[in-house]
């Protein structure tokens, strides 16, 4: 992921999905989180990939601090940004 990077929460549906798609269309690689809609998050990953954008998806309930810390630790370990 050497391009512009957008982190978007709630990418499995609704506003989060829409924002993430707009960011991908604008040339951003994506890091997305979802809480309970893995199918929608997978669809985003496929659509972003079709646009030539990298897209990493993580399960994270942003209402739980332990999930947020775990997400960032996993992302940092995988990408180092």
C-alpha atoms as a PDB file:
ATOM      1  CA  UNK A   1       0.000   0.000   0.000  1.00  0.00           C
ATOM      2  CA  UNK A   2       2.162   2.824  -1.240  1.00  0.00           C
ATOM      3  CA  UNK A   3      -0.670   5.075  -2.397  1.00  0.00           C
ATOM      4  CA  UNK A   4      -3.005   7.412  -0.545  1.00  0.00           C
ATOM      5  CA  UNK A   5      -4.732   5.478   2.206  1.00  0.00           C
ATOM      6  CA  UNK A   6      -8.214   5.917   3.683  1.00  0.00           C
ATOM      7  CA  UNK A   7      -9.406   4.222   6.873  1.00  0.00           C
ATOM      8  CA  UNK A   8     -13.193   3.842   6.891  1.00  0.00           C
ATOM      9  CA  UNK A   9     -15.366   2.252   9.561  1.00  0.00           C
ATOM     10  CA  UNK A  10     -18.639   0.454   8.910  1.00  0.00           C
ATOM     11  CA  UNK A  11     -17.742  -0.600   5.372  1.00  0.00           C
ATOM     12  CA  UNK A  12     -20.096  -3.582   5.348  1.00  0.00           C
ATOM     13  CA  UNK A  13     -23.142  -1.491   4.460  1.00  0.00           C
ATOM     14  CA  UNK A  14     -24.744   1.904   4.206  1.00  0.00           C
ATOM     15  CA  UNK A  15     -22.815   5.135   4.599  1.00  0.00           C
ATOM     16  CA  UNK A  16     -19.511   3.429   5.407  1.00  0.00           C
ATOM     17  CA  UNK A  17     -19.725   1.302   2.260  1.00  0.00           C
ATOM     18  CA  UNK A  18     -20.602   4.361   0.174  1.00  0.00           C
ATOM     19  CA  UNK A  19     -17.784   6.482   1.573  1.00  0.00           C
ATOM     20  CA  UNK A  20     -15.279   3.688   1.040  1.00  0.00           C
ATOM     21  CA  UNK A  21     -16.393   3.252  -2.572  1.00  0.00           C
ATOM     22  CA  UNK A  22     -16.052   6.993  -3.230  1.00  0.00           C
ATOM     23  CA  UNK A  23     -12.563   6.961  -1.737  1.00  0.00           C
ATOM     24  CA  UNK A  24     -11.573   3.998  -3.939  1.00  0.00           C
ATOM     25  CA  UNK A  25     -12.980   5.776  -6.989  1.00  0.00           C
ATOM     26  CA  UNK A  26     -10.898   8.821  -6.031  1.00  0.00           C
ATOM     27  CA  UNK A  27      -7.733   6.700  -6.061  1.00  0.00           C
ATOM     28  CA  UNK A  28      -7.324   5.753  -2.408  1.00  0.00           C
ATOM     29  CA  UNK A  29      -6.320   2.341  -1.135  1.00  0.00           C
ATOM     30  CA  UNK A  30      -8.629   1.264   1.678  1.00  0.00           C
ATOM     31  CA  UNK A  31      -8.519  -0.093   5.173  1.00  0.00           C
ATOM     32  CA  UNK A  32     -12.035  -0.904   6.252  1.00  0.00           C
ATOM     33  CA  UNK A  33     -13.667  -2.216   9.376  1.00  0.00           C
ATOM     34  CA  UNK A  34     -17.002  -3.921   9.856  1.00  0.00           C
ATOM     35  CA  UNK A  35     -18.785  -5.210  12.933  1.00  0.00           C
ATOM     36  CA  UNK A  36     -21.382  -7.688  11.690  1.00  0.00           C
ATOM     37  CA  UNK A  37     -21.595  -7.588   7.889  1.00  0.00           C
ATOM     38  CA  UNK A  38     -18.700  -9.606   6.436  1.00  0.00           C
ATOM     39  CA  UNK A  39     -20.505 -10.184   3.126  1.00  0.00           C
ATOM     40  CA  UNK A  40     -20.790  -6.447   2.500  1.00  0.00           C
ATOM     41  CA  UNK A  41     -17.158  -5.916   3.455  1.00  0.00           C
ATOM     42  CA  UNK A  42     -16.128  -8.687   1.038  1.00  0.00           C
ATOM     43  CA  UNK A  43     -18.169  -7.012  -1.711  1.00  0.00           C
ATOM     44  CA  UNK A  44     -16.333  -3.749  -1.043  1.00  0.00           C
ATOM     45  CA  UNK A  45     -13.010  -5.553  -1.280  1.00  0.00           C
ATOM     46  CA  UNK A  46     -14.011  -7.019  -4.647  1.00  0.00           C
ATOM     47  CA  UNK A  47     -15.268  -3.695  -6.035  1.00  0.00           C
ATOM     48  CA  UNK A  48     -12.203  -1.790  -4.835  1.00  0.00           C
ATOM     49  CA  UNK A  49      -9.981  -4.462  -6.367  1.00  0.00           C
ATOM     50  CA  UNK A  50     -11.790  -4.090  -9.690  1.00  0.00           C
ATOM     51  CA  UNK A  51     -10.829  -0.410  -9.566  1.00  0.00           C
ATOM     52  CA  UNK A  52      -7.200  -1.363  -9.000  1.00  0.00           C
ATOM     53  CA  UNK A  53      -7.240  -0.325  -5.340  1.00  0.00           C
ATOM     54  CA  UNK A  54      -5.823  -2.334  -2.462  1.00  0.00           C
ATOM     55  CA  UNK A  55      -8.377  -3.018   0.248  1.00  0.00           C
ATOM     56  CA  UNK A  56      -7.773  -4.622   3.632  1.00  0.00           C
ATOM     57  CA  UNK A  57     -10.785  -5.523   5.735  1.00  0.00           C
ATOM     58  CA  UNK A  58     -10.864  -6.147   9.476  1.00  0.00           C
ATOM     59  CA  UNK A  59     -13.613  -7.129  11.904  1.00  0.00           C
ATOM     60  CA  UNK A  60     -13.775  -4.459  14.603  1.00  0.00           C
ATOM     61  CA  UNK A  61     -16.542  -3.248  16.883  1.00  0.00           C
ATOM     62  CA  UNK A  62     -15.529   0.397  17.319  1.00  0.00           C
ATOM     63  CA  UNK A  63     -17.630   0.644  20.473  1.00  0.00           C
ATOM     64  CA  UNK A  64     -15.106  -1.647  22.189  1.00  0.00           C
ATOM     65  CA  UNK A  65     -11.655  -0.259  22.922  1.00  0.00           C
ATOM     66  CA  UNK A  66     -10.129  -3.736  23.004  1.00  0.00           C
ATOM     67  CA  UNK A  67     -11.319  -4.302  19.408  1.00  0.00           C
ATOM     68  CA  UNK A  68      -9.826  -0.979  18.314  1.00  0.00           C
ATOM     69  CA  UNK A  69      -6.457  -1.770  19.891  1.00  0.00           C
ATOM     70  CA  UNK A  70      -6.454  -5.264  18.384  1.00  0.00           C
ATOM     71  CA  UNK A  71      -7.328  -3.862  14.939  1.00  0.00           C
ATOM     72  CA  UNK A  72      -4.493  -1.315  14.993  1.00  0.00           C
ATOM     73  CA  UNK A  73      -1.976  -3.869  16.272  1.00  0.00           C
ATOM     74  CA  UNK A  74      -2.931  -6.308  13.517  1.00  0.00           C
ATOM     75  CA  UNK A  75      -2.856  -3.602  10.847  1.00  0.00           C
ATOM     76  CA  UNK A  76       0.533  -2.306  12.021  1.00  0.00           C
ATOM     77  CA  UNK A  77       1.973  -5.824  12.063  1.00  0.00           C
ATOM     78  CA  UNK A  78       0.738  -6.502   8.516  1.00  0.00           C
ATOM     79  CA  UNK A  79       1.399  -3.136   6.871  1.00  0.00           C
ATOM     80  CA  UNK A  80       3.562  -1.107   9.212  1.00  0.00           C
ATOM     81  CA  UNK A  81       1.929   2.267   8.553  1.00  0.00           C
END
